[in-house]
Amino acid sequence: MEGDGLGIHDGRTVAIAGAFPGERVEARVEYVSRHHPRAGAKLLRVLQPHPERTASPCPDDVSNGGRCTGCPLGTLALAGQHAVKTELLREVFGLEIPTIGAGESWGYRCSSKRIAFRHGPRVALGSYVRGSHHAADM
């Protein structure tokens, strides 16, 4: 659930990719776990945005009409990304980290997982669309 906004609906934790802490959103539940009190939803509309929400600089990001879901915090300004990551480390691991990353907005990303796949007559590089085995061309 890293990078997902979380909400509660009918006693289940609902993970919403693209939603951030403190936001109010409209989402559609797309799957419900049969074994755990959780579900996943697709973000339809942001009703009350996070104060750091901004446009993603990546043309392949889903918020720009692409298929890539690889940078879940990409639509937050750098300060917002650092705040969300700092809070996640505190809540999940109990770590108190004063500063995350440094430098330019996208400069702190040090690694990524890429896959090679057939895209028509050519081979392309990309990543999996979150929660699937569908390729997103980079």
C-alpha atoms as a PDB file:
ATOM      1  CA  MET A   1       0.000   0.000   0.000  1.00  0.00           C
ATOM      2  CA  GLU A   2       3.031   2.263  -0.240  1.00  0.00           C
ATOM      3  CA  GLY A   3       2.044   5.369  -2.144  1.00  0.00           C
ATOM      4  CA  ASP A   4      -1.683   4.651  -1.944  1.00  0.00           C
ATOM      5  CA  GLY A   5      -4.210   6.826  -0.209  1.00  0.00           C
ATOM      6  CA  LEU A   6      -6.145   4.814   2.367  1.00  0.00           C
ATOM      7  CA  GLY A   7      -9.765   5.078   3.338  1.00  0.00           C
ATOM      8  CA  ILE A   8     -12.316   3.000   5.204  1.00  0.00           C
ATOM      9  CA  HIS A   9     -15.510   1.734   3.583  1.00  0.00           C
ATOM     10  CA  ASP A  10     -17.850  -0.918   4.986  1.00  0.00           C
ATOM     11  CA  GLY A  11     -15.230  -1.851   7.583  1.00  0.00           C
ATOM     12  CA  ARG A  12     -12.521  -2.440   4.966  1.00  0.00           C
ATOM     13  CA  THR A  13      -9.305  -0.547   4.361  1.00  0.00           C
ATOM     14  CA  VAL A  14      -9.454   0.719   0.787  1.00  0.00           C
ATOM     15  CA  ALA A  15      -6.185   1.490  -1.030  1.00  0.00           C
ATOM     16  CA  ILE A  16      -6.539   4.200  -3.681  1.00  0.00           C
ATOM     17  CA  ALA A  17      -3.543   4.683  -5.979  1.00  0.00           C
ATOM     18  CA  GLY A  18      -2.987   8.373  -6.696  1.00  0.00           C
ATOM     19  CA  ALA A  19      -4.716   9.652  -3.538  1.00  0.00           C
ATOM     20  CA  PHE A  20      -2.694  11.290  -0.778  1.00  0.00           C
ATOM     21  CA  PRO A  21      -3.073  11.747   2.999  1.00  0.00           C
ATOM     22  CA  GLY A  22      -5.696  14.335   3.896  1.00  0.00           C
ATOM     23  CA  GLU A  23      -7.362  14.374   0.478  1.00  0.00           C
ATOM     24  CA  ARG A  24     -11.040  13.807  -0.186  1.00  0.00           C
ATOM     25  CA  VAL A  25     -11.543  11.836  -3.366  1.00  0.00           C
ATOM     26  CA  GLU A  26     -14.161  10.032  -5.378  1.00  0.00           C
ATOM     27  CA  ALA A  27     -13.068   6.484  -6.185  1.00  0.00           C
ATOM     28  CA  ARG A  28     -14.507   3.261  -7.569  1.00  0.00           C
ATOM     29  CA  VAL A  29     -13.820  -0.011  -5.725  1.00  0.00           C
ATOM     30  CA  GLU A  30     -12.320  -2.434  -8.245  1.00  0.00           C
ATOM     31  CA  TYR A  31     -11.545  -5.415  -6.071  1.00  0.00           C
ATOM     32  CA  VAL A  32     -12.415  -6.695  -2.615  1.00  0.00           C
ATOM     33  CA  SER A  33     -10.280  -9.279  -0.828  1.00  0.00           C
ATOM     34  CA  ARG A  34     -12.152 -12.441   0.075  1.00  0.00           C
ATOM     35  CA  HIS A  35      -9.738 -13.212   2.909  1.00  0.00           C
ATOM     36  CA  HIS A  36      -8.846  -9.845   4.444  1.00  0.00           C
ATOM     37  CA  PRO A  37     -10.734  -6.658   5.324  1.00  0.00           C
ATOM     38  CA  ARG A  38      -9.236  -4.661   2.446  1.00  0.00           C
ATOM     39  CA  ALA A  39     -10.094  -3.493  -1.026  1.00  0.00           C
ATOM     40  CA  GLY A  40      -8.550  -1.545  -3.884  1.00  0.00           C
ATOM     41  CA  ALA A  41     -10.071   1.376  -5.740  1.00  0.00           C
ATOM     42  CA  LYS A  42      -9.394   3.538  -8.768  1.00  0.00           C
ATOM     43  CA  LEU A  43      -9.181   7.289  -8.264  1.00  0.00           C
ATOM     44  CA  LEU A  44     -11.931   9.003 -10.250  1.00  0.00           C
ATOM     45  CA  ARG A  45     -11.761  12.590  -9.033  1.00  0.00           C
ATOM     46  CA  VAL A  46      -9.984  14.674  -6.409  1.00  0.00           C
ATOM     47  CA  LEU A  47     -12.537  16.662  -4.406  1.00  0.00           C
ATOM     48  CA  GLN A  48     -10.181  18.283  -1.889  1.00  0.00           C
ATOM     49  CA  PRO A  49      -6.502  18.128  -2.982  1.00  0.00           C
ATOM     50  CA  HIS A  50      -3.386  17.781  -0.863  1.00  0.00           C
ATOM     51  CA  PRO A  51      -1.768  21.245  -0.551  1.00  0.00           C
ATOM     52  CA  GLU A  52       1.338  19.956  -2.379  1.00  0.00           C
ATOM     53  CA  ARG A  53      -0.552  18.300  -5.282  1.00  0.00           C
ATOM     54  CA  THR A  54       0.831  19.346  -8.666  1.00  0.00           C
ATOM     55  CA  ALA A  55       1.018  18.046 -12.231  1.00  0.00           C
ATOM     56  CA  SER A  56       3.340  15.104 -12.857  1.00  0.00           C
ATOM     57  CA  PRO A  57       6.340  16.029 -15.026  1.00  0.00           C
ATOM     58  CA  CYS A  58       6.272  12.540 -16.594  1.00  0.00           C
ATOM     59  CA  PRO A  59       4.342  12.222 -19.874  1.00  0.00           C
ATOM     60  CA  ASP A  60       3.794   8.481 -19.238  1.00  0.00           C
ATOM     61  CA  ASP A  61       2.141   9.005 -15.824  1.00  0.00           C
ATOM     62  CA  VAL A  62      -1.506   7.920 -15.596  1.00  0.00           C
ATOM     63  CA  SER A  63      -2.461  11.457 -14.540  1.00  0.00           C
ATOM     64  CA  ASN A  64      -1.227  12.638 -17.958  1.00  0.00           C
ATOM     65  CA  GLY A  65      -3.051   9.951 -19.908  1.00  0.00           C
ATOM     66  CA  GLY A  66      -0.219   7.414 -19.871  1.00  0.00           C
ATOM     67  CA  ARG A  67      -0.159   3.909 -18.430  1.00  0.00           C
ATOM     68  CA  CYS A  68       2.699   4.197 -15.930  1.00  0.00           C
ATOM     69  CA  THR A  69       1.925   3.968 -12.216  1.00  0.00           C
ATOM     70  CA  GLY A  70       5.560   3.650 -11.149  1.00  0.00           C
ATOM     71  CA  CYS A  71       5.965   6.922  -9.221  1.00  0.00           C
ATOM     72  CA  PRO A  72       2.983   7.020  -6.861  1.00  0.00           C
ATOM     73  CA  LEU A  73       4.068  10.329  -5.329  1.00  0.00           C
ATOM     74  CA  GLY A  74       4.896  11.951  -8.676  1.00  0.00           C
ATOM     75  CA  THR A  75       1.951  14.336  -8.526  1.00  0.00           C
ATOM     76  CA  LEU A  76       3.155  15.896  -5.281  1.00  0.00           C
ATOM     77  CA  ALA A  77       5.665  18.729  -5.153  1.00  0.00           C
ATOM     78  CA  LEU A  78       9.044  17.669  -3.750  1.00  0.00           C
ATOM     79  CA  ALA A  79       8.287  18.920  -0.225  1.00  0.00           C
ATOM     80  CA  GLY A  80       5.037  16.929  -0.211  1.00  0.00           C
ATOM     81  CA  GLN A  81       6.802  13.781  -1.439  1.00  0.00           C
ATOM     82  CA  HIS A  82       9.365  14.071   1.348  1.00  0.00           C
ATOM     83  CA  ALA A  83       6.664  14.688   3.979  1.00  0.00           C
ATOM     84  CA  VAL A  84       4.615  11.657   2.895  1.00  0.00           C
ATOM     85  CA  LYS A  85       7.697   9.401   2.779  1.00  0.00           C
ATOM     86  CA  THR A  86       8.883  10.647   6.181  1.00  0.00           C
ATOM     87  CA  GLU A  87       5.466   9.927   7.712  1.00  0.00           C
ATOM     88  CA  LEU A  88       5.361   6.470   6.087  1.00  0.00           C
ATOM     89  CA  LEU A  89       8.772   5.574   7.565  1.00  0.00           C
ATOM     90  CA  ARG A  90       7.637   6.791  10.982  1.00  0.00           C
ATOM     91  CA  GLU A  91       4.297   4.941  10.946  1.00  0.00           C
ATOM     92  CA  VAL A  92       5.419   1.666   9.357  1.00  0.00           C
ATOM     93  CA  PHE A  93       8.952   1.264  10.730  1.00  0.00           C
ATOM     94  CA  GLY A  94       9.065   3.619  13.710  1.00  0.00           C
ATOM     95  CA  LEU A  95      11.941   5.549  12.123  1.00  0.00           C
ATOM     96  CA  GLU A  96      12.410   9.251  12.762  1.00  0.00           C
ATOM     97  CA  ILE A  97      14.175  10.576   9.652  1.00  0.00           C
ATOM     98  CA  PRO A  98      14.880  14.334   9.598  1.00  0.00           C
ATOM     99  CA  THR A  99      15.439  14.608   5.819  1.00  0.00           C
ATOM    100  CA  ILE A 100      14.729  12.378   2.846  1.00  0.00           C
ATOM    101  CA  GLY A 101      16.650  12.901  -0.352  1.00  0.00           C
ATOM    102  CA  ALA A 102      18.207  16.034  -1.653  1.00  0.00           C
ATOM    103  CA  GLY A 103      18.715  17.843  -4.903  1.00  0.00           C
ATOM    104  CA  GLU A 104      16.286  18.267  -7.750  1.00  0.00           C
ATOM    105  CA  SER A 105      12.699  17.041  -7.730  1.00  0.00           C
ATOM    106  CA  TRP A 106      13.372  13.733  -9.435  1.00  0.00           C
ATOM    107  CA  GLY A 107      17.047  13.452  -8.515  1.00  0.00           C
ATOM    108  CA  TYR A 108      16.574  11.446  -5.317  1.00  0.00           C
ATOM    109  CA  ARG A 109      15.168   8.401  -7.135  1.00  0.00           C
ATOM    110  CA  CYS A 110      18.069   5.978  -7.196  1.00  0.00           C
ATOM    111  CA  SER A 111      16.597   2.814  -8.680  1.00  0.00           C
ATOM    112  CA  SER A 112      13.695   1.430 -10.612  1.00  0.00           C
ATOM    113  CA  LYS A 113      12.569  -1.920 -11.930  1.00  0.00           C
ATOM    114  CA  ARG A 114      12.303  -2.131 -15.716  1.00  0.00           C
ATOM    115  CA  ILE A 115      11.068  -4.932 -17.935  1.00  0.00           C
ATOM    116  CA  ALA A 116      11.623  -5.702 -21.607  1.00  0.00           C
ATOM    117  CA  PHE A 117       8.547  -6.647 -23.627  1.00  0.00           C
ATOM    118  CA  ARG A 118       7.312  -6.872 -27.184  1.00  0.00           C
ATOM    119  CA  HIS A 119       5.510  -3.731 -28.347  1.00  0.00           C
ATOM    120  CA  GLY A 120       4.218  -4.508 -31.827  1.00  0.00           C
ATOM    121  CA  PRO A 121       7.209  -5.301 -34.047  1.00  0.00           C
ATOM    122  CA  ARG A 122       9.780  -3.899 -31.610  1.00  0.00           C
ATOM    123  CA  VAL A 123      11.130  -4.576 -28.130  1.00  0.00           C
ATOM    124  CA  ALA A 124      10.438  -1.870 -25.568  1.00  0.00           C
ATOM    125  CA  LEU A 125      11.505  -1.084 -22.016  1.00  0.00           C
ATOM    126  CA  GLY A 126       9.052  -0.097 -19.347  1.00  0.00           C
ATOM    127  CA  SER A 127       7.486  -1.238 -16.102  1.00  0.00           C
ATOM    128  CA  TYR A 128       4.384  -3.066 -14.972  1.00  0.00           C
ATOM    129  CA  VAL A 129       1.183  -1.108 -14.438  1.00  0.00           C
ATOM    130  CA  ARG A 130       0.529  -1.270 -10.689  1.00  0.00           C
ATOM    131  CA  GLY A 131      -1.382  -4.350  -9.635  1.00  0.00           C
ATOM    132  CA  SER A 132      -1.108  -6.055 -13.017  1.00  0.00           C
ATOM    133  CA  HIS A 133       1.236  -7.743 -15.454  1.00  0.00           C
ATOM    134  CA  HIS A 134       0.407  -5.232 -18.192  1.00  0.00           C
ATOM    135  CA  ALA A 135       3.420  -3.348 -19.518  1.00  0.00           C
ATOM    136  CA  ALA A 136       3.683   0.418 -19.612  1.00  0.00           C
ATOM    137  CA  ASP A 137       6.087   1.668 -22.287  1.00  0.00           C
ATOM    138  CA  MET A 138       8.662   4.163 -21.032  1.00  0.00           C
END
